[in-house]
Amino acid sequence: MEKNWIKIASIYIGTVIGAGFASGREIIEFFGVYGLKGIIGVIISGIFFSLLGSLLLIKIYDSKIRDFNQLSAKVFGKRLGFIIDTLIGFSLYTGFSVMVSGSGAIFMEELGLPFNIGILVMILCCFVVFMFSLEGLSFINTILVPLLILGMLFTSFYLNLRGGYTLSNVEGISLTRKGNFITSSILYFGSNSLIILVVFSSLLPMIDNKRTAILSGTIGGTTLCILGLSILTSMLIYYNEVVYLEIPMLKICNYIGENYRKFYSILLWVAMFTTALANGFGFMNRISDDRYRIPIIALFCITAVPLAKVGFANLIGTIYPTFGVIGFTMMVGVLVKD
């Protein structure tokens, strides 16, 4: 089907737009701290997402790779491949738990409902989609991602207009623990690379030809760049008010109205949901035996609960930077290997 590039691009965007992206927290951490230079950083990341995303999809199509085990064995050999696969499994499991934890936080802080209800709703929704495998992932992303894009663009445009495009953080700082704005943009792409590698390696049934691969990667990466820039400009305008907040976008949504803040919190939950699905789907796709699929799906969802209770901010601060280095190294390794 010619429209498969839309489905793949939607899966790509839905995979990357998680809690950190849509909340503005990741955008501040990786780009906002550098002031105007952060805008160049987002563009560099956007080029990586577009170019390397397209190249990876072409490689998967050319090599007829059907799952991540096949990809890692081909690139790294069986012994190193096993170590990497174990690392990836841990990454996907913790990534899923981060999103489940974020759901609990939103239900408690924004909707006034118990933390555990938020966890339960996320896990049940994910469980239902996991039952339908790639078709479920594709269907949900094709419906939800356009809503996410429209909601995020409208919110950022409104806030930018209200702020008169007057930036409160122009100069920014030159160096952070992540280096400068260039190394930070590479690390940001890297922190998403592991999940991109795993999800993309399962998409062969949807890649009709090289044109589909190029369109999917380019449109997905360009859209992520546009969304990143729109959120970054909002963060730079209201920087002094939100720099230390866990969910800065919700704070500045108050300027639109209390009800709009509630709407954006639901949008944020949807972003968490699409990323939780990508992590869970990547984990499930490593299971080759369908007989055990349903019990393993149930076990995966249930065992994520204890880790989710560690807390959203604690999990993001500890896990994401480490996976940035590993992910970028692996992505380069996959693309340069014949």
C-alpha atoms as a PDB file:
ATOM      1  CA  MET A   1       0.000   0.000   0.000  1.00  0.00           C
ATOM      2  CA  GLU A   2       1.272   3.426  -1.021  1.00  0.00           C
ATOM      3  CA  LYS A   3       0.048   4.992   2.220  1.00  0.00           C
ATOM      4  CA  ASN A   4       2.346   2.834   4.380  1.00  0.00           C
ATOM      5  CA  TRP A   5       4.814   5.722   4.669  1.00  0.00           C
ATOM      6  CA  ILE A   6       2.141   7.636   6.638  1.00  0.00           C
ATOM      7  CA  LYS A   7       1.753   4.701   9.039  1.00  0.00           C
ATOM      8  CA  ILE A   8       5.521   4.275   9.493  1.00  0.00           C
ATOM      9  CA  ALA A   9       6.075   8.041   9.948  1.00  0.00           C
ATOM     10  CA  SER A  10       3.264   8.050  12.559  1.00  0.00           C
ATOM     11  CA  ILE A  11       4.895   5.144  14.419  1.00  0.00           C
ATOM     12  CA  TYR A  12       8.248   7.019  14.247  1.00  0.00           C
ATOM     13  CA  ILE A  13       6.782  10.236  15.696  1.00  0.00           C
ATOM     14  CA  GLY A  14       4.707   8.377  18.300  1.00  0.00           C
ATOM     15  CA  THR A  15       7.810   6.468  19.423  1.00  0.00           C
ATOM     16  CA  VAL A  16       9.878   9.616  20.055  1.00  0.00           C
ATOM     17  CA  ILE A  17       7.188  11.973  21.430  1.00  0.00           C
ATOM     18  CA  GLY A  18       7.109  10.651  24.960  1.00  0.00           C
ATOM     19  CA  ALA A  19       6.522  12.373  28.248  1.00  0.00           C
ATOM     20  CA  GLY A  20       9.844  14.223  28.198  1.00  0.00           C
ATOM     21  CA  PHE A  21       9.293  15.707  24.728  1.00  0.00           C
ATOM     22  CA  ALA A  22       5.644  16.756  25.048  1.00  0.00           C
ATOM     23  CA  SER A  23       6.125  18.079  28.601  1.00  0.00           C
ATOM     24  CA  GLY A  24       8.966  20.345  27.486  1.00  0.00           C
ATOM     25  CA  ARG A  25      11.342  18.857  30.098  1.00  0.00           C
ATOM     26  CA  GLU A  26      13.631  17.097  27.600  1.00  0.00           C
ATOM     27  CA  ILE A  27      13.561  20.130  25.301  1.00  0.00           C
ATOM     28  CA  ILE A  28      14.816  22.378  28.127  1.00  0.00           C
ATOM     29  CA  GLU A  29      17.457  19.847  29.263  1.00  0.00           C
ATOM     30  CA  PHE A  30      18.920  19.174  25.840  1.00  0.00           C
ATOM     31  CA  PHE A  31      18.294  22.489  24.020  1.00  0.00           C
ATOM     32  CA  GLY A  32      16.681  25.278  26.076  1.00  0.00           C
ATOM     33  CA  VAL A  33      19.664  25.710  28.419  1.00  0.00           C
ATOM     34  CA  TYR A  34      21.769  26.916  25.454  1.00  0.00           C
ATOM     35  CA  GLY A  35      19.420  29.791  24.593  1.00  0.00           C
ATOM     36  CA  LEU A  36      19.216  30.632  20.875  1.00  0.00           C
ATOM     37  CA  LYS A  37      21.943  28.081  20.097  1.00  0.00           C
ATOM     38  CA  GLY A  38      19.405  25.448  21.195  1.00  0.00           C
ATOM     39  CA  ILE A  39      17.437  26.207  17.998  1.00  0.00           C
ATOM     40  CA  ILE A  40      20.453  25.095  15.934  1.00  0.00           C
ATOM     41  CA  GLY A  41      20.662  22.036  18.213  1.00  0.00           C
ATOM     42  CA  VAL A  42      17.050  21.035  17.438  1.00  0.00           C
ATOM     43  CA  ILE A  43      17.724  21.424  13.700  1.00  0.00           C
ATOM     44  CA  ILE A  44      20.849  19.199  13.997  1.00  0.00           C
ATOM     45  CA  SER A  45      18.748  16.570  15.824  1.00  0.00           C
ATOM     46  CA  GLY A  46      16.052  16.880  13.143  1.00  0.00           C
ATOM     47  CA  ILE A  47      18.641  16.180  10.428  1.00  0.00           C
ATOM     48  CA  PHE A  48      19.794  13.067  12.351  1.00  0.00           C
ATOM     49  CA  PHE A  49      16.201  11.860  12.772  1.00  0.00           C
ATOM     50  CA  SER A  50      15.451  12.374   9.058  1.00  0.00           C
ATOM     51  CA  LEU A  51      18.704  11.129   7.545  1.00  0.00           C
ATOM     52  CA  LEU A  52      19.587   8.235   9.843  1.00  0.00           C
ATOM     53  CA  GLY A  53      15.923   7.200  10.182  1.00  0.00           C
ATOM     54  CA  SER A  54      15.658   6.903   6.379  1.00  0.00           C
ATOM     55  CA  LEU A  55      19.001   5.064   6.084  1.00  0.00           C
ATOM     56  CA  LEU A  56      17.972   2.587   8.790  1.00  0.00           C
ATOM     57  CA  LEU A  57      14.640   1.823   7.064  1.00  0.00           C
ATOM     58  CA  ILE A  58      16.457   1.327   3.723  1.00  0.00           C
ATOM     59  CA  LYS A  59      18.910  -1.056   5.407  1.00  0.00           C
ATOM     60  CA  ILE A  60      16.054  -3.057   6.953  1.00  0.00           C
ATOM     61  CA  TYR A  61      14.332  -3.264   3.546  1.00  0.00           C
ATOM     62  CA  ASP A  62      17.513  -4.241   1.643  1.00  0.00           C
ATOM     63  CA  SER A  63      18.654  -6.830   4.218  1.00  0.00           C
ATOM     64  CA  LYS A  64      15.097  -8.138   4.791  1.00  0.00           C
ATOM     65  CA  ILE A  65      15.505  -7.804   8.574  1.00  0.00           C
ATOM     66  CA  ARG A  66      12.394  -8.996  10.450  1.00  0.00           C
ATOM     67  CA  ASP A  67      13.296  -8.395  14.090  1.00  0.00           C
ATOM     68  CA  PHE A  68      15.932  -6.886  16.350  1.00  0.00           C
ATOM     69  CA  ASN A  69      17.596 -10.252  17.121  1.00  0.00           C
ATOM     70  CA  GLN A  70      18.346 -10.661  13.429  1.00  0.00           C
ATOM     71  CA  LEU A  71      19.641  -7.079  13.186  1.00  0.00           C
ATOM     72  CA  SER A  72      21.967  -7.319  16.209  1.00  0.00           C
ATOM     73  CA  ALA A  73      23.287 -10.782  15.206  1.00  0.00           C
ATOM     74  CA  LYS A  74      24.026  -9.501  11.672  1.00  0.00           C
ATOM     75  CA  VAL A  75      25.848  -6.388  12.896  1.00  0.00           C
ATOM     76  CA  PHE A  76      27.478  -7.438  16.172  1.00  0.00           C
ATOM     77  CA  GLY A  77      27.737 -11.250  15.939  1.00  0.00           C
ATOM     78  CA  LYS A  78      25.960 -13.730  18.218  1.00  0.00           C
ATOM     79  CA  ARG A  79      27.983 -13.251  21.428  1.00  0.00           C
ATOM     80  CA  LEU A  80      28.060  -9.431  21.473  1.00  0.00           C
ATOM     81  CA  GLY A  81      24.542  -9.459  19.990  1.00  0.00           C
ATOM     82  CA  PHE A  82      23.277 -11.354  23.047  1.00  0.00           C
ATOM     83  CA  ILE A  83      24.778  -8.755  25.438  1.00  0.00           C
ATOM     84  CA  ILE A  84      23.286  -5.898  23.393  1.00  0.00           C
ATOM     85  CA  ASP A  85      19.917  -7.661  23.223  1.00  0.00           C
ATOM     86  CA  THR A  86      19.897  -8.000  27.041  1.00  0.00           C
ATOM     87  CA  LEU A  87      20.759  -4.297  27.383  1.00  0.00           C
ATOM     88  CA  ILE A  88      17.999  -3.390  24.919  1.00  0.00           C
ATOM     89  CA  GLY A  89      15.494  -5.541  26.833  1.00  0.00           C
ATOM     90  CA  PHE A  90      16.322  -3.622  30.019  1.00  0.00           C
ATOM     91  CA  SER A  91      16.079  -0.302  28.161  1.00  0.00           C
ATOM     92  CA  LEU A  92      12.622  -1.144  26.761  1.00  0.00           C
ATOM     93  CA  TYR A  93      11.359  -2.393  30.104  1.00  0.00           C
ATOM     94  CA  THR A  94      12.514   0.731  31.975  1.00  0.00           C
ATOM     95  CA  GLY A  95      11.250   2.985  29.150  1.00  0.00           C
ATOM     96  CA  PHE A  96       7.805   1.403  29.463  1.00  0.00           C
ATOM     97  CA  SER A  97       7.913   1.844  33.264  1.00  0.00           C
ATOM     98  CA  VAL A  98       8.828   5.550  32.896  1.00  0.00           C
ATOM     99  CA  MET A  99       5.677   6.136  30.794  1.00  0.00           C
ATOM    100  CA  VAL A 100       3.489   4.129  33.197  1.00  0.00           C
ATOM    101  CA  SER A 101       4.871   6.223  36.063  1.00  0.00           C
ATOM    102  CA  GLY A 102       4.144   9.419  34.096  1.00  0.00           C
ATOM    103  CA  SER A 103       0.529   8.287  33.654  1.00  0.00           C
ATOM    104  CA  GLY A 104       0.206   7.893  37.428  1.00  0.00           C
ATOM    105  CA  ALA A 105       1.664  11.384  37.958  1.00  0.00           C
ATOM    106  CA  ILE A 106      -0.780  12.996  35.497  1.00  0.00           C
ATOM    107  CA  PHE A 107      -3.817  11.264  37.003  1.00  0.00           C
ATOM    108  CA  MET A 108      -2.779  12.358  40.498  1.00  0.00           C
ATOM    109  CA  GLU A 109      -1.498  15.905  39.870  1.00  0.00           C
ATOM    110  CA  GLU A 110      -3.739  17.061  37.015  1.00  0.00           C
ATOM    111  CA  LEU A 111      -6.936  15.019  37.171  1.00  0.00           C
ATOM    112  CA  GLY A 112      -7.137  14.628  40.973  1.00  0.00           C
ATOM    113  CA  LEU A 113      -7.349  10.833  40.762  1.00  0.00           C
ATOM    114  CA  PRO A 114      -5.231   8.244  42.612  1.00  0.00           C
ATOM    115  CA  PHE A 115      -1.694   7.560  41.271  1.00  0.00           C
ATOM    116  CA  ASN A 116      -2.467   3.826  41.056  1.00  0.00           C
ATOM    117  CA  ILE A 117      -5.521   4.452  38.837  1.00  0.00           C
ATOM    118  CA  GLY A 118      -3.258   6.237  36.333  1.00  0.00           C
ATOM    119  CA  ILE A 119      -0.893   3.255  36.338  1.00  0.00           C
ATOM    120  CA  LEU A 120      -3.761   0.788  35.895  1.00  0.00           C
ATOM    121  CA  VAL A 121      -5.376   2.699  32.997  1.00  0.00           C
ATOM    122  CA  MET A 122      -2.062   2.909  31.097  1.00  0.00           C
ATOM    123  CA  ILE A 123      -1.289  -0.787  31.611  1.00  0.00           C
ATOM    124  CA  LEU A 124      -4.773  -1.953  30.569  1.00  0.00           C
ATOM    125  CA  CYS A 125      -4.761   0.228  27.421  1.00  0.00           C
ATOM    126  CA  CYS A 126      -1.297  -1.037  26.472  1.00  0.00           C
ATOM    127  CA  PHE A 127      -2.271  -4.666  27.132  1.00  0.00           C
ATOM    128  CA  VAL A 128      -5.224  -4.426  24.712  1.00  0.00           C
ATOM    129  CA  VAL A 129      -3.064  -2.904  21.924  1.00  0.00           C
ATOM    130  CA  PHE A 130      -0.244  -5.448  22.465  1.00  0.00           C
ATOM    131  CA  MET A 131      -2.757  -8.232  21.768  1.00  0.00           C
ATOM    132  CA  PHE A 132      -3.033  -6.960  18.155  1.00  0.00           C
ATOM    133  CA  SER A 133       0.746  -6.772  17.588  1.00  0.00           C
ATOM    134  CA  LEU A 134       2.007  -4.584  14.668  1.00  0.00           C
ATOM    135  CA  GLU A 135      -1.539  -3.917  13.364  1.00  0.00           C
ATOM    136  CA  GLY A 136      -2.539  -2.529  16.793  1.00  0.00           C
ATOM    137  CA  LEU A 137       0.559  -0.326  17.035  1.00  0.00           C
ATOM    138  CA  SER A 138       0.046   1.019  13.501  1.00  0.00           C
ATOM    139  CA  PHE A 139      -3.704   1.662  13.982  1.00  0.00           C
ATOM    140  CA  ILE A 140      -3.322   3.534  17.305  1.00  0.00           C
ATOM    141  CA  ASN A 141      -0.422   5.687  16.072  1.00  0.00           C
ATOM    142  CA  THR A 142      -2.153   6.573  12.801  1.00  0.00           C
ATOM    143  CA  ILE A 143      -5.141   7.880  14.803  1.00  0.00           C
ATOM    144  CA  LEU A 144      -3.416   9.500  17.801  1.00  0.00           C
ATOM    145  CA  VAL A 145      -0.242  11.020  16.312  1.00  0.00           C
ATOM    146  CA  PRO A 146      -2.043  13.557  14.026  1.00  0.00           C
ATOM    147  CA  LEU A 147      -4.064  14.695  17.103  1.00  0.00           C
ATOM    148  CA  LEU A 148      -0.827  15.037  19.072  1.00  0.00           C
ATOM    149  CA  ILE A 149       0.827  17.084  16.316  1.00  0.00           C
ATOM    150  CA  LEU A 150      -2.147  19.463  15.963  1.00  0.00           C
ATOM    151  CA  GLY A 151      -2.518  19.872  19.740  1.00  0.00           C
ATOM    152  CA  MET A 152       1.172  20.581  20.328  1.00  0.00           C
ATOM    153  CA  LEU A 153       1.488  22.995  17.394  1.00  0.00           C
ATOM    154  CA  PHE A 154      -1.642  24.941  18.397  1.00  0.00           C
ATOM    155  CA  THR A 155      -0.516  25.184  22.041  1.00  0.00           C
ATOM    156  CA  SER A 156       2.995  26.371  21.144  1.00  0.00           C
ATOM    157  CA  PHE A 157       1.709  28.849  18.522  1.00  0.00           C
ATOM    158  CA  TYR A 158      -0.771  30.353  21.005  1.00  0.00           C
ATOM    159  CA  LEU A 159       1.857  30.650  23.746  1.00  0.00           C
ATOM    160  CA  ASN A 160       4.437  32.146  21.362  1.00  0.00           C
ATOM    161  CA  LEU A 161       1.874  34.692  20.148  1.00  0.00           C
ATOM    162  CA  ARG A 162       0.879  35.567  23.712  1.00  0.00           C
ATOM    163  CA  GLY A 163       4.540  36.012  24.703  1.00  0.00           C
ATOM    164  CA  GLY A 164       5.140  38.268  21.700  1.00  0.00           C
ATOM    165  CA  TYR A 165       8.092  36.074  20.684  1.00  0.00           C
ATOM    166  CA  THR A 166      10.163  37.868  23.348  1.00  0.00           C
ATOM    167  CA  LEU A 167      12.709  35.329  24.566  1.00  0.00           C
ATOM    168  CA  SER A 168      13.712  35.383  28.250  1.00  0.00           C
ATOM    169  CA  ASN A 169      16.727  33.135  27.600  1.00  0.00           C
ATOM    170  CA  VAL A 170      18.777  34.326  24.612  1.00  0.00           C
ATOM    171  CA  GLU A 171      22.422  33.781  25.582  1.00  0.00           C
ATOM    172  CA  GLY A 172      22.007  30.530  27.526  1.00  0.00           C
ATOM    173  CA  ILE A 173      25.057  28.693  28.850  1.00  0.00           C
ATOM    174  CA  SER A 174      27.913  27.374  26.718  1.00  0.00           C
ATOM    175  CA  LEU A 175      28.665  24.089  28.461  1.00  0.00           C
ATOM    176  CA  THR A 176      26.697  21.539  30.472  1.00  0.00           C
ATOM    177  CA  ARG A 177      27.383  17.945  31.558  1.00  0.00           C
ATOM    178  CA  LYS A 178      26.225  16.982  28.062  1.00  0.00           C
ATOM    179  CA  GLY A 179      28.875  19.233  26.472  1.00  0.00           C
ATOM    180  CA  ASN A 180      27.767  22.030  24.143  1.00  0.00           C
ATOM    181  CA  PHE A 181      24.628  22.429  22.014  1.00  0.00           C
ATOM    182  CA  ILE A 182      26.069  20.182  19.275  1.00  0.00           C
ATOM    183  CA  THR A 183      27.018  17.226  21.502  1.00  0.00           C
ATOM    184  CA  SER A 184      23.723  17.684  23.344  1.00  0.00           C
ATOM    185  CA  SER A 185      21.753  17.362  20.100  1.00  0.00           C
ATOM    186  CA  ILE A 186      23.686  14.164  19.215  1.00  0.00           C
ATOM    187  CA  LEU A 187      22.978  12.758  22.703  1.00  0.00           C
ATOM    188  CA  TYR A 188      19.293  13.601  22.323  1.00  0.00           C
ATOM    189  CA  PHE A 189      19.096  11.638  19.091  1.00  0.00           C
ATOM    190  CA  GLY A 190      21.129   8.896  20.765  1.00  0.00           C
ATOM    191  CA  SER A 191      18.742   8.630  23.718  1.00  0.00           C
ATOM    192  CA  ASN A 192      15.975   7.766  21.236  1.00  0.00           C
ATOM    193  CA  SER A 193      18.126   5.522  19.025  1.00  0.00           C
ATOM    194  CA  LEU A 194      17.718   2.281  20.984  1.00  0.00           C
ATOM    195  CA  ILE A 195      13.934   2.308  20.777  1.00  0.00           C
ATOM    196  CA  ILE A 196      14.053   3.455  17.115  1.00  0.00           C
ATOM    197  CA  LEU A 197      16.367   0.532  16.240  1.00  0.00           C
ATOM    198  CA  VAL A 198      14.069  -1.980  17.926  1.00  0.00           C
ATOM    199  CA  VAL A 199      10.773  -0.652  16.550  1.00  0.00           C
ATOM    200  CA  PHE A 200      12.094  -0.075  12.996  1.00  0.00           C
ATOM    201  CA  SER A 201      13.561  -3.586  12.821  1.00  0.00           C
ATOM    202  CA  SER A 202       9.978  -4.916  13.142  1.00  0.00           C
ATOM    203  CA  LEU A 203       8.500  -2.821  10.315  1.00  0.00           C
ATOM    204  CA  LEU A 204       9.629  -4.825   7.261  1.00  0.00           C
ATOM    205  CA  PRO A 205       6.037  -5.975   6.427  1.00  0.00           C
ATOM    206  CA  MET A 206       5.094  -2.299   5.985  1.00  0.00           C
ATOM    207  CA  ILE A 207       8.118  -1.160   3.923  1.00  0.00           C
ATOM    208  CA  ASP A 208       6.976  -1.594   0.294  1.00  0.00           C
ATOM    209  CA  ASN A 209      10.078  -0.141  -1.356  1.00  0.00           C
ATOM    210  CA  LYS A 210      12.954   2.322  -0.859  1.00  0.00           C
ATOM    211  CA  ARG A 211      10.656   5.272  -1.625  1.00  0.00           C
ATOM    212  CA  THR A 212       8.461   4.286   1.349  1.00  0.00           C
ATOM    213  CA  ALA A 213      11.586   4.016   3.551  1.00  0.00           C
ATOM    214  CA  ILE A 214      12.909   7.458   2.519  1.00  0.00           C
ATOM    215  CA  LEU A 215       9.508   9.192   2.810  1.00  0.00           C
ATOM    216  CA  SER A 216       8.807   7.632   6.231  1.00  0.00           C
ATOM    217  CA  GLY A 217      12.167   8.633   7.710  1.00  0.00           C
ATOM    218  CA  THR A 218      12.223  12.124   6.168  1.00  0.00           C
ATOM    219  CA  ILE A 219       8.617  13.076   7.019  1.00  0.00           C
ATOM    220  CA  GLY A 220       8.912  11.591  10.528  1.00  0.00           C
ATOM    221  CA  GLY A 221      12.223  13.344  11.249  1.00  0.00           C
ATOM    222  CA  THR A 222      11.098  16.694   9.778  1.00  0.00           C
ATOM    223  CA  THR A 223       7.865  16.623  11.809  1.00  0.00           C
ATOM    224  CA  LEU A 224       9.833  15.894  15.001  1.00  0.00           C
ATOM    225  CA  CYS A 225      12.106  18.854  14.188  1.00  0.00           C
ATOM    226  CA  ILE A 226       9.127  21.223  13.664  1.00  0.00           C
ATOM    227  CA  LEU A 227       7.471  20.061  16.910  1.00  0.00           C
ATOM    228  CA  GLY A 228      10.776  20.407  18.790  1.00  0.00           C
ATOM    229  CA  LEU A 229      11.255  23.976  17.510  1.00  0.00           C
ATOM    230  CA  SER A 230       7.677  24.970  18.396  1.00  0.00           C
ATOM    231  CA  ILE A 231       8.046  23.699  21.976  1.00  0.00           C
ATOM    232  CA  LEU A 232      11.562  25.147  22.324  1.00  0.00           C
ATOM    233  CA  THR A 233      10.433  28.678  21.412  1.00  0.00           C
ATOM    234  CA  SER A 234       7.694  28.436  24.076  1.00  0.00           C
ATOM    235  CA  MET A 235      10.285  27.243  26.608  1.00  0.00           C
ATOM    236  CA  LEU A 236      12.675  30.122  25.709  1.00  0.00           C
ATOM    237  CA  ILE A 237       9.918  32.748  26.102  1.00  0.00           C
ATOM    238  CA  TYR A 238       8.839  31.516  29.564  1.00  0.00           C
ATOM    239  CA  TYR A 239      12.252  30.081  30.488  1.00  0.00           C
ATOM    240  CA  ASN A 240      12.721  31.824  33.856  1.00  0.00           C
ATOM    241  CA  GLU A 241       9.345  30.542  35.089  1.00  0.00           C
ATOM    242  CA  VAL A 242       9.700  26.939  33.974  1.00  0.00           C
ATOM    243  CA  VAL A 243      13.402  26.011  33.923  1.00  0.00           C
ATOM    244  CA  TYR A 244      13.208  23.932  37.134  1.00  0.00           C
ATOM    245  CA  LEU A 245       9.721  22.433  36.675  1.00  0.00           C
ATOM    246  CA  GLU A 246       9.106  18.740  35.904  1.00  0.00           C
ATOM    247  CA  ILE A 247       6.298  19.445  33.417  1.00  0.00           C
ATOM    248  CA  PRO A 248       6.902  23.024  32.165  1.00  0.00           C
ATOM    249  CA  MET A 249       4.281  22.957  29.379  1.00  0.00           C
ATOM    250  CA  LEU A 250       1.490  22.410  31.893  1.00  0.00           C
ATOM    251  CA  LYS A 251       2.589  25.478  33.891  1.00  0.00           C
ATOM    252  CA  ILE A 252       2.444  27.790  30.874  1.00  0.00           C
ATOM    253  CA  CYS A 253      -0.829  26.239  29.653  1.00  0.00           C
ATOM    254  CA  ASN A 254      -2.379  28.037  32.641  1.00  0.00           C
ATOM    255  CA  TYR A 255      -1.987  31.231  30.582  1.00  0.00           C
ATOM    256  CA  ILE A 256      -4.485  29.819  28.071  1.00  0.00           C
ATOM    257  CA  GLY A 257      -6.861  28.697  30.840  1.00  0.00           C
ATOM    258  CA  GLU A 258      -7.379  26.106  33.575  1.00  0.00           C
ATOM    259  CA  ASN A 259      -9.503  23.901  31.309  1.00  0.00           C
ATOM    260  CA  TYR A 260      -6.880  24.091  28.584  1.00  0.00           C
ATOM    261  CA  ARG A 261      -4.281  22.857  31.062  1.00  0.00           C
ATOM    262  CA  LYS A 262      -6.513  19.815  31.628  1.00  0.00           C
ATOM    263  CA  PHE A 263      -6.733  19.310  27.851  1.00  0.00           C
ATOM    264  CA  TYR A 264      -2.944  19.461  27.488  1.00  0.00           C
ATOM    265  CA  SER A 265      -2.486  16.989  30.343  1.00  0.00           C
ATOM    266  CA  ILE A 266      -4.638  14.513  28.347  1.00  0.00           C
ATOM    267  CA  LEU A 267      -2.482  15.278  25.285  1.00  0.00           C
ATOM    268  CA  LEU A 268       0.583  14.564  27.401  1.00  0.00           C
ATOM    269  CA  TRP A 269      -0.934  11.254  28.503  1.00  0.00           C
ATOM    270  CA  VAL A 270      -1.486  10.320  24.829  1.00  0.00           C
ATOM    271  CA  ALA A 271       2.200  11.089  24.127  1.00  0.00           C
ATOM    272  CA  MET A 272       3.192   8.804  27.005  1.00  0.00           C
ATOM    273  CA  PHE A 273       0.822   6.124  25.710  1.00  0.00           C
ATOM    274  CA  THR A 274       2.327   6.052  22.180  1.00  0.00           C
ATOM    275  CA  THR A 275       5.859   5.802  23.609  1.00  0.00           C
ATOM    276  CA  ALA A 276       4.839   3.130  26.141  1.00  0.00           C
ATOM    277  CA  LEU A 277       3.381   1.157  23.216  1.00  0.00           C
ATOM    278  CA  ALA A 278       6.626   1.489  21.232  1.00  0.00           C
ATOM    279  CA  ASN A 279       8.701   0.238  24.185  1.00  0.00           C
ATOM    280  CA  GLY A 280       6.318  -2.617  24.951  1.00  0.00           C
ATOM    281  CA  PHE A 281       5.959  -3.599  21.302  1.00  0.00           C
ATOM    282  CA  GLY A 282       9.753  -3.657  20.914  1.00  0.00           C
ATOM    283  CA  PHE A 283      10.022  -5.925  23.951  1.00  0.00           C
ATOM    284  CA  MET A 284       7.230  -8.279  22.776  1.00  0.00           C
ATOM    285  CA  ASN A 285       8.635  -8.541  19.283  1.00  0.00           C
ATOM    286  CA  ARG A 286      11.689 -10.305  20.695  1.00  0.00           C
ATOM    287  CA  ILE A 287       9.428 -13.234  21.657  1.00  0.00           C
ATOM    288  CA  SER A 288       9.328 -15.665  18.748  1.00  0.00           C
ATOM    289  CA  ASP A 289       6.999 -18.269  20.268  1.00  0.00           C
ATOM    290  CA  ASP A 290       3.341 -17.177  19.932  1.00  0.00           C
ATOM    291  CA  ARG A 291       2.135 -19.827  22.418  1.00  0.00           C
ATOM    292  CA  TYR A 292       3.587 -17.844  25.320  1.00  0.00           C
ATOM    293  CA  ARG A 293       2.768 -14.402  23.939  1.00  0.00           C
ATOM    294  CA  ILE A 294      -0.308 -13.580  26.073  1.00  0.00           C
ATOM    295  CA  PRO A 295       1.182 -14.732  29.426  1.00  0.00           C
ATOM    296  CA  ILE A 296       4.410 -12.814  28.673  1.00  0.00           C
ATOM    297  CA  ILE A 297       2.451  -9.666  27.708  1.00  0.00           C
ATOM    298  CA  ALA A 298       0.538  -9.908  31.006  1.00  0.00           C
ATOM    299  CA  LEU A 299       3.738 -10.535  32.998  1.00  0.00           C
ATOM    300  CA  PHE A 300       5.539  -7.635  31.273  1.00  0.00           C
ATOM    301  CA  CYS A 301       2.698  -5.209  32.082  1.00  0.00           C
ATOM    302  CA  ILE A 302       2.316  -6.332  35.718  1.00  0.00           C
ATOM    303  CA  THR A 303       6.048  -6.361  36.578  1.00  0.00           C
ATOM    304  CA  ALA A 304       6.413  -2.775  35.288  1.00  0.00           C
ATOM    305  CA  VAL A 305       4.290  -1.514  38.215  1.00  0.00           C
ATOM    306  CA  PRO A 306       6.940  -1.653  41.015  1.00  0.00           C
ATOM    307  CA  LEU A 307       9.534   0.203  38.890  1.00  0.00           C
ATOM    308  CA  ALA A 308       6.906   2.783  37.853  1.00  0.00           C
ATOM    309  CA  LYS A 309       6.441   3.681  41.533  1.00  0.00           C
ATOM    310  CA  VAL A 310      10.078   4.876  41.749  1.00  0.00           C
ATOM    311  CA  GLY A 311       8.864   8.152  40.206  1.00  0.00           C
ATOM    312  CA  PHE A 312       8.897   9.877  36.828  1.00  0.00           C
ATOM    313  CA  ALA A 313      11.688  12.443  37.386  1.00  0.00           C
ATOM    314  CA  ASN A 314      14.037   9.967  39.114  1.00  0.00           C
ATOM    315  CA  LEU A 315      13.746   7.481  36.253  1.00  0.00           C
ATOM    316  CA  ILE A 316      14.302  10.074  33.486  1.00  0.00           C
ATOM    317  CA  GLY A 317      17.301  11.706  35.209  1.00  0.00           C
ATOM    318  CA  THR A 318      19.106   8.395  35.729  1.00  0.00           C
ATOM    319  CA  ILE A 319      18.348   6.358  32.635  1.00  0.00           C
ATOM    320  CA  TYR A 320      18.122   8.674  29.610  1.00  0.00           C
ATOM    321  CA  PRO A 321      21.652  10.201  29.408  1.00  0.00           C
ATOM    322  CA  THR A 322      23.322   6.749  29.694  1.00  0.00           C
ATOM    323  CA  PHE A 323      21.209   5.321  26.891  1.00  0.00           C
ATOM    324  CA  GLY A 324      22.063   8.393  24.765  1.00  0.00           C
ATOM    325  CA  VAL A 325      25.704   7.330  24.397  1.00  0.00           C
ATOM    326  CA  ILE A 326      24.890   3.625  23.917  1.00  0.00           C
ATOM    327  CA  GLY A 327      22.073   4.338  21.429  1.00  0.00           C
ATOM    328  CA  PHE A 328      24.073   6.664  19.174  1.00  0.00           C
ATOM    329  CA  THR A 329      27.041   4.251  19.102  1.00  0.00           C
ATOM    330  CA  MET A 330      24.755   1.375  18.151  1.00  0.00           C
ATOM    331  CA  MET A 331      22.938   3.366  15.458  1.00  0.00           C
ATOM    332  CA  VAL A 332      26.245   4.297  13.798  1.00  0.00           C
ATOM    333  CA  GLY A 333      27.430   0.670  14.114  1.00  0.00           C
ATOM    334  CA  VAL A 334      24.291  -0.635  12.395  1.00  0.00           C
ATOM    335  CA  LEU A 335      24.488   1.877   9.524  1.00  0.00           C
ATOM    336  CA  VAL A 336      28.200   1.453   8.715  1.00  0.00           C
ATOM    337  CA  LYS A 337      28.201  -2.361   8.844  1.00  0.00           C
ATOM    338  CA  ASP A 338      27.664  -4.081   5.475  1.00  0.00           C
END
